PDB file of N, CA and C in Angstrom:
ATOM      1  N   MET A   1      15.980  98.251   5.504  1.00  0.00           N
ATOM      2  CA  MET A   1      16.040  97.474   4.465  1.00  0.00           C
ATOM      3  C   MET A   1      16.821  96.307   4.687  1.00  0.00           C
ATOM      4  N   PHE A   2      17.960  96.334   5.445  1.00  0.00           N
ATOM      5  CA  PHE A   2      18.503  94.793   5.770  1.00  0.00           C
ATOM      6  C   PHE A   2      17.707  94.100   6.843  1.00  0.00           C
ATOM      7  N   TYR A   3      16.918  94.862   7.520  1.00  0.00           N
ATOM      8  CA  TYR A   3      16.336  93.963   8.545  1.00  0.00           C
ATOM      9  C   TYR A   3      15.225  93.208   7.557  1.00  0.00           C
ATOM     10  N   CYS A   4      14.526  94.032   6.667  1.00  0.00           N
ATOM     11  CA  CYS A   4      13.556  93.076   6.041  1.00  0.00           C
ATOM     12  C   CYS A   4      13.988  91.947   5.334  1.00  0.00           C
ATOM     13  N   PHE A   5      15.230  92.300   4.807  1.00  0.00           N
ATOM     14  CA  PHE A   5      15.889  91.105   4.144  1.00  0.00           C
ATOM     15  C   PHE A   5      16.274  89.882   4.912  1.00  0.00           C
ATOM     16  N   SER A   6      16.736  90.326   6.188  1.00  0.00           N
ATOM     17  CA  SER A   6      16.954  89.209   7.111  1.00  0.00           C
ATOM     18  C   SER A   6      15.924  88.774   7.769  1.00  0.00           C
ATOM     19  N   MET A   7      14.919  89.515   8.042  1.00  0.00           N
ATOM     20  CA  MET A   7      13.566  88.805   8.508  1.00  0.00           C
ATOM     21  C   MET A   7      12.766  87.537   7.420  1.00  0.00           C
ATOM     22  N   LEU A   8      13.030  88.312   6.230  1.00  0.00           N
ATOM     23  CA  LEU A   8      12.367  87.217   4.954  1.00  0.00           C
ATOM     24  C   LEU A   8      13.435  85.943   4.727  1.00  0.00           C
ATOM     25  N   LYS A   9      14.781  86.131   5.045  1.00  0.00           N
ATOM     26  CA  LYS A   9      15.751  85.027   5.179  1.00  0.00           C
ATOM     27  C   LYS A   9      14.846  83.964   6.466  1.00  0.00           C
ATOM     28  N   GLN A  10      14.923  84.454   7.503  1.00  0.00           N
ATOM     29  CA  GLN A  10      14.385  83.700   8.595  1.00  0.00           C
ATOM     30  C   GLN A  10      13.130  82.934   8.430  1.00  0.00           C
ATOM     31  N   VAL A  11      12.063  83.648   7.927  1.00  0.00           N
ATOM     32  CA  VAL A  11      10.711  83.259   7.135  1.00  0.00           C
ATOM     33  C   VAL A  11      11.130  82.097   6.461  1.00  0.00           C
ATOM     34  N   GLU A  12      11.909  82.216   5.407  1.00  0.00           N
ATOM     35  CA  GLU A  12      12.220  81.137   4.435  1.00  0.00           C
ATOM     36  C   GLU A  12      12.514  79.960   4.941  1.00  0.00           C
ATOM     37  N   SER A  13      13.736  80.383   5.759  1.00  0.00           N
ATOM     38  CA  SER A  13      14.363  79.169   6.712  1.00  0.00           C
ATOM     39  C   SER A  13      13.248  78.201   7.306  1.00  0.00           C
ATOM     40  N   PHE A  14      12.355  78.979   7.964  1.00  0.00           N
ATOM     41  CA  PHE A  14      11.423  78.375   9.012  1.00  0.00           C
ATOM     42  C   PHE A  14      10.501  77.538   8.020  1.00  0.00           C
ATOM     43  N   PHE A  15      10.253  78.029   6.790  1.00  0.00           N
ATOM     44  CA  PHE A  15       9.311  77.254   5.937  1.00  0.00           C
ATOM     45  C   PHE A  15       9.738  76.025   5.354  1.00  0.00           C
ATOM     46  N   MET A  16      11.015  75.981   5.331  1.00  0.00           N
ATOM     47  CA  MET A  16      12.072  75.275   4.722  1.00  0.00           C
ATOM     48  C   MET A  16      11.850  73.977   5.657  1.00  0.00           C
ATOM     49  N   LYS A  17      11.648  74.223   7.081  1.00  0.00           N
ATOM     50  CA  LYS A  17      11.947  73.228   8.119  1.00  0.00           C
ATOM     51  C   LYS A  17      10.675  72.743   8.523  1.00  0.00           C
ATOM     52  N   LEU A  18       9.438  73.625   8.384  1.00  0.00           N
ATOM     53  CA  LEU A  18       8.101  73.066   8.804  1.00  0.00           C
ATOM     54  C   LEU A  18       7.639  71.910   8.247  1.00  0.00           C
ATOM     55  N   PRO A  19       7.968  71.331   7.132  1.00  0.00           N
ATOM     56  CA  PRO A  19       7.181  70.130   6.816  1.00  0.00           C
ATOM     57  C   PRO A  19       8.130  69.080   7.759  1.00  0.00           C
ATOM     58  N   ASN A  20       9.313  69.038   7.860  1.00  0.00           N
ATOM     59  CA  ASN A  20       9.974  68.085   8.707  1.00  0.00           C
ATOM     60  C   ASN A  20       9.539  68.299  10.044  1.00  0.00           C
ATOM     61  N   ILE A  21       9.225  69.430  10.480  1.00  0.00           N
ATOM     62  CA  ILE A  21       8.716  69.642  11.876  1.00  0.00           C
ATOM     63  C   ILE A  21       7.305  68.854  11.924  1.00  0.00           C
ATOM     64  N   ILE A  22       6.564  68.897  11.080  1.00  0.00           N
ATOM     65  CA  ILE A  22       5.148  68.469  11.014  1.00  0.00           C
ATOM     66  C   ILE A  22       5.395  67.116  10.762  1.00  0.00           C
ATOM     67  N   ASN A  23       6.237  66.566   9.942  1.00  0.00           N
ATOM     68  CA  ASN A  23       6.391  65.141   9.739  1.00  0.00           C
ATOM     69  C   ASN A  23       6.777  64.358  11.079  1.00  0.00           C
ATOM     70  N   GLU A  24       7.545  64.751  11.626  1.00  0.00           N
ATOM     71  CA  GLU A  24       8.224  64.297  12.863  1.00  0.00           C
ATOM     72  C   GLU A  24       7.004  64.167  14.097  1.00  0.00           C
ATOM     73  N   LEU A  25       5.868  64.677  14.108  1.00  0.00           N
ATOM     74  CA  LEU A  25       4.782  64.671  15.170  1.00  0.00           C
ATOM     75  C   LEU A  25       4.268  63.455  14.725  1.00  0.00           C
ATOM     76  N   LYS A  26       3.743  62.942  15.921  1.00  0.00           N
ATOM     77  CA  LYS A  26       3.045  61.380  15.854  1.00  0.00           C
ATOM     78  C   LYS A  26       1.762  60.979  15.608  1.00  0.00           C
ATOM     79  N   SER A  27       0.894  61.934  15.617  1.00  0.00           N
ATOM     80  CA  SER A  27      -0.439  61.948  15.328  1.00  0.00           C
ATOM     81  C   SER A  27      -1.054  63.261  14.952  1.00  0.00           C
ATOM     82  N   PRO A  28      -2.140  63.026  14.435  1.00  0.00           N
ATOM     83  CA  PRO A  28      -3.005  64.351  14.254  1.00  0.00           C
ATOM     84  C   PRO A  28      -3.371  65.204  15.226  1.00  0.00           C
ATOM     85  N   LYS A  29      -3.261  64.859  16.386  1.00  0.00           N
ATOM     86  CA  LYS A  29      -3.427  65.379  17.799  1.00  0.00           C
ATOM     87  C   LYS A  29      -2.445  66.282  18.028  1.00  0.00           C
ATOM     88  N   GLU A  30      -1.346  65.560  17.846  1.00  0.00           N
ATOM     89  CA  GLU A  30       0.238  66.608  18.117  1.00  0.00           C
ATOM     90  C   GLU A  30       0.369  67.549  17.118  1.00  0.00           C
ATOM     91  N   VAL A  31      -0.100  67.222  15.886  1.00  0.00           N
ATOM     92  CA  VAL A  31      -0.198  68.252  14.615  1.00  0.00           C
ATOM     93  C   VAL A  31      -1.078  69.389  15.211  1.00  0.00           C
ATOM     94  N   GLU A  32      -2.300  69.206  15.642  1.00  0.00           N
ATOM     95  CA  GLU A  32      -3.153  70.129  16.027  1.00  0.00           C
ATOM     96  C   GLU A  32      -2.701  70.848  17.143  1.00  0.00           C
ATOM     97  N   ASN A  33      -2.112  70.244  18.193  1.00  0.00           N
ATOM     98  CA  ASN A  33      -1.621  70.944  19.210  1.00  0.00           C
ATOM     99  C   ASN A  33      -0.428  71.867  18.889  1.00  0.00           C
ATOM    100  N   PHE A  34       0.397  71.412  17.813  1.00  0.00           N
ATOM    101  CA  PHE A  34       1.514  72.122  17.433  1.00  0.00           C
ATOM    102  C   PHE A  34       0.983  73.450  16.542  1.00  0.00           C
ATOM    103  N   ILE A  35      -0.042  73.318  15.920  1.00  0.00           N
ATOM    104  CA  ILE A  35      -0.695  74.549  15.346  1.00  0.00           C
ATOM    105  C   ILE A  35      -1.253  75.425  15.985  1.00  0.00           C
ATOM    106  N   LYS A  36      -1.975  74.879  17.096  1.00  0.00           N
ATOM    107  CA  LYS A  36      -2.532  75.924  18.277  1.00  0.00           C
ATOM    108  C   LYS A  36      -1.400  76.489  19.036  1.00  0.00           C
ATOM    109  N   ASP A  37      -0.400  76.012  19.186  1.00  0.00           N
ATOM    110  CA  ASP A  37       0.756  76.712  19.808  1.00  0.00           C
ATOM    111  C   ASP A  37       1.432  77.648  19.056  1.00  0.00           C
ATOM    112  N   LEU A  38       1.756  77.384  17.635  1.00  0.00           N
ATOM    113  CA  LEU A  38       2.159  78.146  16.672  1.00  0.00           C
ATOM    114  C   LEU A  38       1.288  79.445  16.048  1.00  0.00           C
ATOM    115  N   CYS A  39       0.023  79.134  15.842  1.00  0.00           N
ATOM    116  CA  CYS A  39      -0.840  80.329  15.472  1.00  0.00           C
ATOM    117  C   CYS A  39      -1.917  80.859  16.384  1.00  0.00           C
ATOM    118  N   THR A  40      -1.985  82.137  16.272  1.00  0.00           N
ATOM    119  CA  THR A  40      -3.244  82.607  17.113  1.00  0.00           C
ATOM    120  C   THR A  40      -4.774  82.270  16.585  1.00  0.00           C
ATOM    121  N   PRO A  41      -5.391  82.235  17.354  1.00  0.00           N
ATOM    122  CA  PRO A  41      -6.796  81.654  17.146  1.00  0.00           C
ATOM    123  C   PRO A  41      -7.208  82.466  15.609  1.00  0.00           C
ATOM    124  N   SER A  42      -6.914  83.840  15.555  1.00  0.00           N
ATOM    125  CA  SER A  42      -7.277  84.509  14.241  1.00  0.00           C
ATOM    126  C   SER A  42      -6.626  83.988  13.127  1.00  0.00           C
ATOM    127  N   GLU A  43      -5.304  83.526  13.172  1.00  0.00           N
ATOM    128  CA  GLU A  43      -4.490  82.808  12.310  1.00  0.00           C
ATOM    129  C   GLU A  43      -5.166  81.518  11.782  1.00  0.00           C
ATOM    130  N   ILE A  44      -5.616  80.659  12.734  1.00  0.00           N
ATOM    131  CA  ILE A  44      -5.985  79.646  12.448  1.00  0.00           C
ATOM    132  C   ILE A  44      -7.319  79.787  11.881  1.00  0.00           C
ATOM    133  N   LYS A  45      -8.189  80.748  12.025  1.00  0.00           N
ATOM    134  CA  LYS A  45      -9.522  80.820  11.559  1.00  0.00           C
ATOM    135  C   LYS A  45      -9.264  81.408   9.996  1.00  0.00           C
ATOM    136  N   ALA A  46      -8.186  82.072   9.869  1.00  0.00           N
ATOM    137  CA  ALA A  46      -8.087  82.560   8.546  1.00  0.00           C
ATOM    138  C   ALA A  46      -7.497  81.492   7.742  1.00  0.00           C
ATOM    139  N   ILE A  47      -6.607  80.650   8.133  1.00  0.00           N
ATOM    140  CA  ILE A  47      -6.116  79.277   7.608  1.00  0.00           C
ATOM    141  C   ILE A  47      -7.244  78.509   7.202  1.00  0.00           C
ATOM    142  N   ASN A  48      -8.409  78.351   8.165  1.00  0.00           N
ATOM    143  CA  ASN A  48      -9.479  77.443   7.881  1.00  0.00           C
ATOM    144  C   ASN A  48     -10.406  77.931   6.890  1.00  0.00           C
ATOM    145  N   GLU A  49     -10.505  79.301   6.788  1.00  0.00           N
ATOM    146  CA  GLU A  49     -11.204  80.164   5.912  1.00  0.00           C
ATOM    147  C   GLU A  49     -10.898  80.063   4.480  1.00  0.00           C
ATOM    148  N   ARG A  50      -9.593  79.986   4.163  1.00  0.00           N
ATOM    149  CA  ARG A  50      -8.748  79.901   2.995  1.00  0.00           C
ATOM    150  C   ARG A  50      -9.061  78.360   2.463  1.00  0.00           C
ATOM    151  N   TRP A  51      -8.865  77.585   3.352  1.00  0.00           N
ATOM    152  CA  TRP A  51      -8.972  76.116   2.882  1.00  0.00           C
ATOM    153  C   TRP A  51     -10.359  75.539   2.663  1.00  0.00           C
ATOM    154  N   GLU A  52     -11.526  76.194   3.382  1.00  0.00           N
ATOM    155  CA  GLU A  52     -12.765  75.995   2.897  1.00  0.00           C
ATOM    156  C   GLU A  52     -13.273  76.768   1.435  1.00  0.00           C
ATOM    157  N   VAL A  53     -12.516  77.954   1.316  1.00  0.00           N
ATOM    158  CA  VAL A  53     -12.765  78.749   0.028  1.00  0.00           C
ATOM    159  C   VAL A  53     -11.962  77.797  -1.032  1.00  0.00           C
ATOM    160  N   ALA A  54     -10.773  77.215  -0.840  1.00  0.00           N
ATOM    161  CA  ALA A  54     -10.082  76.346  -1.829  1.00  0.00           C
ATOM    162  C   ALA A  54     -10.916  75.036  -2.179  1.00  0.00           C
ATOM    163  N   GLN A  55     -11.420  74.484  -1.109  1.00  0.00           N
ATOM    164  CA  GLN A  55     -12.232  73.225  -1.501  1.00  0.00           C
ATOM    165  C   GLN A  55     -13.718  73.685  -2.361  1.00  0.00           C
ATOM    166  N   LEU A  56     -14.470  74.546  -2.111  1.00  0.00           N
ATOM    167  CA  LEU A  56     -15.315  75.110  -2.857  1.00  0.00           C
ATOM    168  C   LEU A  56     -14.867  75.536  -4.349  1.00  0.00           C
ATOM    169  N   LEU A  57     -13.945  76.396  -4.438  1.00  0.00           N
ATOM    170  CA  LEU A  57     -13.161  76.678  -5.749  1.00  0.00           C
ATOM    171  C   LEU A  57     -12.850  75.361  -6.603  1.00  0.00           C
ATOM    172  N   TYR A  58     -12.673  74.320  -5.926  1.00  0.00           N
ATOM    173  CA  TYR A  58     -11.851  73.405  -6.496  1.00  0.00           C
ATOM    174  C   TYR A  58     -12.879  72.468  -7.242  1.00  0.00           C
ATOM    175  N   LYS A  59     -14.033  72.480  -6.368  1.00  0.00           N
ATOM    176  CA  LYS A  59     -15.438  72.089  -7.003  1.00  0.00           C
ATOM    177  C   LYS A  59     -15.775  72.456  -8.323  1.00  0.00           C
ATOM    178  N   LYS A  60     -15.639  73.583  -8.574  1.00  0.00           N
ATOM    179  CA  LYS A  60     -16.043  74.691  -9.778  1.00  0.00           C
ATOM    180  C   LYS A  60     -17.418  74.640 -10.098  1.00  0.00           C
ATOM    181  N   ASP A  61     -18.332  74.362  -9.065  1.00  0.00           N
ATOM    182  CA  ASP A  61     -19.351  74.536  -9.432  1.00  0.00           C
ATOM    183  C   ASP A  61     -20.409  75.804  -8.719  1.00  0.00           C
ATOM    184  N   LYS A  62     -19.520  76.834  -8.405  1.00  0.00           N
ATOM    185  CA  LYS A  62     -20.057  78.018  -7.473  1.00  0.00           C
ATOM    186  C   LYS A  62     -19.272  79.305  -8.094  1.00  0.00           C
ATOM    187  N   SER A  63     -19.910  80.265  -7.973  1.00  0.00           N
ATOM    188  CA  SER A  63     -19.036  81.456  -8.621  1.00  0.00           C
ATOM    189  C   SER A  63     -18.474  82.072  -7.524  1.00  0.00           C
ATOM    190  N   TYR A  64     -17.559  83.051  -7.673  1.00  0.00           N
ATOM    191  CA  TYR A  64     -16.823  83.471  -6.597  1.00  0.00           C
ATOM    192  C   TYR A  64     -17.616  84.235  -5.564  1.00  0.00           C
ATOM    193  N   ARG A  65     -18.606  84.892  -6.082  1.00  0.00           N
ATOM    194  CA  ARG A  65     -19.879  85.730  -4.969  1.00  0.00           C
ATOM    195  C   ARG A  65     -20.438  84.641  -4.328  1.00  0.00           C
ATOM    196  N   GLU A  66     -20.877  83.458  -5.025  1.00  0.00           N
ATOM    197  CA  GLU A  66     -21.617  82.583  -4.155  1.00  0.00           C
ATOM    198  C   GLU A  66     -20.776  81.907  -3.147  1.00  0.00           C
ATOM    199  N   ILE A  67     -19.527  81.604  -3.245  1.00  0.00           N
ATOM    200  CA  ILE A  67     -18.536  81.112  -2.222  1.00  0.00           C
ATOM    201  C   ILE A  67     -18.468  82.177  -1.112  1.00  0.00           C
ATOM    202  N   ALA A  68     -18.265  83.327  -1.417  1.00  0.00           N
ATOM    203  CA  ALA A  68     -17.989  84.433  -0.540  1.00  0.00           C
ATOM    204  C   ALA A  68     -19.202  84.501   0.195  1.00  0.00           C
ATOM    205  N   ALA A  69     -20.607  84.592  -0.384  1.00  0.00           N
ATOM    206  CA  ALA A  69     -21.794  84.716   0.753  1.00  0.00           C
ATOM    207  C   ALA A  69     -21.797  83.441   1.494  1.00  0.00           C
ATOM    208  N   GLU A  70     -21.490  82.227   0.954  1.00  0.00           N
ATOM    209  CA  GLU A  70     -21.551  80.985   1.734  1.00  0.00           C
ATOM    210  C   GLU A  70     -20.873  81.220   2.956  1.00  0.00           C
ATOM    211  N   LEU A  71     -19.600  81.367   2.560  1.00  0.00           N
ATOM    212  CA  LEU A  71     -18.662  81.401   3.871  1.00  0.00           C
ATOM    213  C   LEU A  71     -18.603  82.645   4.611  1.00  0.00           C
ATOM    214  N   LYS A  72     -19.427  83.571   4.092  1.00  0.00           N
ATOM    215  CA  LYS A  72     -19.343  85.016   4.849  1.00  0.00           C
ATOM    216  C   LYS A  72     -18.114  85.494   4.799  1.00  0.00           C
ATOM    217  N   THR A  73     -17.345  85.544   3.712  1.00  0.00           N
ATOM    218  CA  THR A  73     -15.969  85.974   3.610  1.00  0.00           C
ATOM    219  C   THR A  73     -16.141  86.736   2.357  1.00  0.00           C
ATOM    220  N   SER A  74     -14.864  87.750   2.169  1.00  0.00           N
ATOM    221  CA  SER A  74     -14.879  88.583   1.066  1.00  0.00           C
ATOM    222  C   SER A  74     -14.751  87.997  -0.320  1.00  0.00           C
ATOM    223  N   THR A  75     -14.969  88.659  -1.426  1.00  0.00           N
ATOM    224  CA  THR A  75     -14.412  88.283  -2.793  1.00  0.00           C
ATOM    225  C   THR A  75     -12.899  88.251  -2.868  1.00  0.00           C
ATOM    226  N   ALA A  76     -12.326  89.485  -2.277  1.00  0.00           N
ATOM    227  CA  ALA A  76     -11.075  89.439  -2.359  1.00  0.00           C
ATOM    228  C   ALA A  76     -10.198  88.170  -1.660  1.00  0.00           C
ATOM    229  N   THR A  77     -10.730  87.504  -0.828  1.00  0.00           N
ATOM    230  CA  THR A  77     -10.299  86.494  -0.085  1.00  0.00           C
ATOM    231  C   THR A  77     -10.651  85.200  -0.926  1.00  0.00           C
ATOM    232  N   VAL A  78     -11.481  84.966  -1.512  1.00  0.00           N
ATOM    233  CA  VAL A  78     -12.066  84.045  -2.661  1.00  0.00           C
ATOM    234  C   VAL A  78     -10.998  84.493  -3.890  1.00  0.00           C
ATOM    235  N   THR A  79     -10.912  85.612  -4.272  1.00  0.00           N
ATOM    236  CA  THR A  79      -9.838  85.675  -5.446  1.00  0.00           C
ATOM    237  C   THR A  79      -8.522  85.268  -5.162  1.00  0.00           C
ATOM    238  N   ARG A  80      -8.042  85.740  -3.815  1.00  0.00           N
ATOM    239  CA  ARG A  80      -6.683  85.418  -3.711  1.00  0.00           C
ATOM    240  C   ARG A  80      -6.444  83.962  -3.706  1.00  0.00           C
ATOM    241  N   VAL A  81      -7.342  83.204  -3.006  1.00  0.00           N
ATOM    242  CA  VAL A  81      -7.018  81.716  -2.858  1.00  0.00           C
ATOM    243  C   VAL A  81      -7.294  81.193  -4.162  1.00  0.00           C
ATOM    244  N   ALA A  82      -8.277  81.620  -5.073  1.00  0.00           N
ATOM    245  CA  ALA A  82      -8.297  81.167  -6.742  1.00  0.00           C
ATOM    246  C   ALA A  82      -7.094  81.484  -7.353  1.00  0.00           C
ATOM    247  N   ARG A  83      -6.339  82.322  -7.028  1.00  0.00           N
ATOM    248  CA  ARG A  83      -5.171  82.783  -7.799  1.00  0.00           C
ATOM    249  C   ARG A  83      -4.162  81.689  -7.250  1.00  0.00           C
ATOM    250  N   PHE A  84      -4.107  81.135  -6.173  1.00  0.00           N
ATOM    251  CA  PHE A  84      -3.206  80.400  -5.439  1.00  0.00           C
ATOM    252  C   PHE A  84      -3.627  79.075  -6.214  1.00  0.00           C
ATOM    253  N   LEU A  85      -4.744  78.612  -6.011  1.00  0.00           N
ATOM    254  CA  LEU A  85      -5.217  77.649  -6.570  1.00  0.00           C
ATOM    255  C   LEU A  85      -4.973  77.184  -7.927  1.00  0.00           C
ATOM    256  N   PHE A  86      -5.010  78.039  -8.928  1.00  0.00           N
ATOM    257  CA  PHE A  86      -5.292  77.888 -10.048  1.00  0.00           C
ATOM    258  C   PHE A  86      -4.068  78.485 -11.023  1.00  0.00           C
ATOM    259  N   SER A  87      -3.575  79.419 -10.574  1.00  0.00           N
ATOM    260  CA  SER A  87      -2.380  80.523 -11.286  1.00  0.00           C
ATOM    261  C   SER A  87      -1.240  80.311 -10.619  1.00  0.00           C
ATOM    262  N   GLU A  88      -0.786  80.105  -9.691  1.00  0.00           N
ATOM    263  CA  GLU A  88       0.493  79.891  -9.166  1.00  0.00           C
ATOM    264  C   GLU A  88       1.330  78.777  -9.054  1.00  0.00           C
ATOM    265  N   LEU A  89       2.690  78.750  -9.019  1.00  0.00           N
ATOM    266  CA  LEU A  89       3.414  77.566  -9.527  1.00  0.00           C
ATOM    267  C   LEU A  89       3.589  76.614  -8.271  1.00  0.00           C
ATOM    268  N   ASN A  90       3.005  77.084  -6.851  1.00  0.00           N
ATOM    269  CA  ASN A  90       3.271  76.341  -5.873  1.00  0.00           C
ATOM    270  C   ASN A  90       2.575  74.843  -6.061  1.00  0.00           C
ATOM    271  N   ASN A  91       1.195  74.917  -6.587  1.00  0.00           N
ATOM    272  CA  ASN A  91       0.177  73.945  -6.573  1.00  0.00           C
ATOM    273  C   ASN A  91       0.030  73.118  -5.050  1.00  0.00           C
ATOM    274  N   GLY A  92       0.178  73.657  -4.037  1.00  0.00           N
ATOM    275  CA  GLY A  92      -0.147  73.159  -2.614  1.00  0.00           C
ATOM    276  C   GLY A  92      -1.644  73.146  -2.571  1.00  0.00           C
ATOM    277  N   TYR A  93      -2.377  73.869  -2.867  1.00  0.00           N
ATOM    278  CA  TYR A  93      -3.844  73.550  -2.783  1.00  0.00           C
ATOM    279  C   TYR A  93      -4.028  72.435  -3.568  1.00  0.00           C
ATOM    280  N   GLN A  94      -3.733  72.264  -4.754  1.00  0.00           N
ATOM    281  CA  GLN A  94      -4.147  71.093  -5.931  1.00  0.00           C
ATOM    282  C   GLN A  94      -3.591  69.807  -5.426  1.00  0.00           C
ATOM    283  N   ILE A  95      -2.531  69.856  -4.847  1.00  0.00           N
ATOM    284  CA  ILE A  95      -1.911  68.791  -4.379  1.00  0.00           C
ATOM    285  C   ILE A  95      -2.641  68.034  -3.059  1.00  0.00           C
ATOM    286  N   ALA A  96      -3.003  69.071  -2.308  1.00  0.00           N
ATOM    287  CA  ALA A  96      -3.716  68.709  -1.147  1.00  0.00           C
ATOM    288  C   ALA A  96      -5.507  68.431  -1.338  1.00  0.00           C
ATOM    289  N   LEU A  97      -5.716  68.873  -2.304  1.00  0.00           N
ATOM    290  CA  LEU A  97      -7.188  68.740  -2.862  1.00  0.00           C
ATOM    291  C   LEU A  97      -7.334  67.443  -3.409  1.00  0.00           C
ATOM    292  N   LYS A  98      -6.455  67.234  -4.120  1.00  0.00           N
ATOM    293  CA  LYS A  98      -6.740  65.871  -5.030  1.00  0.00           C
ATOM    294  C   LYS A  98      -6.004  64.818  -4.239  1.00  0.00           C
ATOM    295  N   ARG A  99      -5.214  64.903  -3.225  1.00  0.00           N
ATOM    296  CA  ARG A  99      -5.223  63.749  -1.961  1.00  0.00           C
ATOM    297  C   ARG A  99      -6.276  63.558  -0.981  1.00  0.00           C
ATOM    298  N   MET A 100      -7.090  64.621  -0.870  1.00  0.00           N
ATOM    299  CA  MET A 100      -8.200  64.278  -0.085  1.00  0.00           C
ATOM    300  C   MET A 100      -9.539  63.793  -0.606  1.00  0.00           C
ATOM    301  N   LYS A 101      -9.472  63.470  -1.863  1.00  0.00           N
ATOM    302  CA  LYS A 101     -10.427  62.892  -2.319  1.00  0.00           C
ATOM    303  C   LYS A 101     -10.504  61.360  -1.998  1.00  0.00           C
TER     304      LYS A 101
END
């Protein structure tokens, strides 16, 4: 139990530092290279998939099933992204999507 709590604290600490780390990078290429070093190809694919789902959900012109079929992903992934996009208090997707317009 202590190990899990300790690991959670380490993860929280890293996520508090991550925006500052990315902000210190000087170009989109540096950010790309950092992410490639930080994440496995599978993790990058999963992040990209969630971002694509979020963009389609944000447009509000397709059903969850249509989005899942178009992106060849599961409806569970679409539902999970939708929860964070529309219901959770983080608003990370909302802020990023609004700024991307």
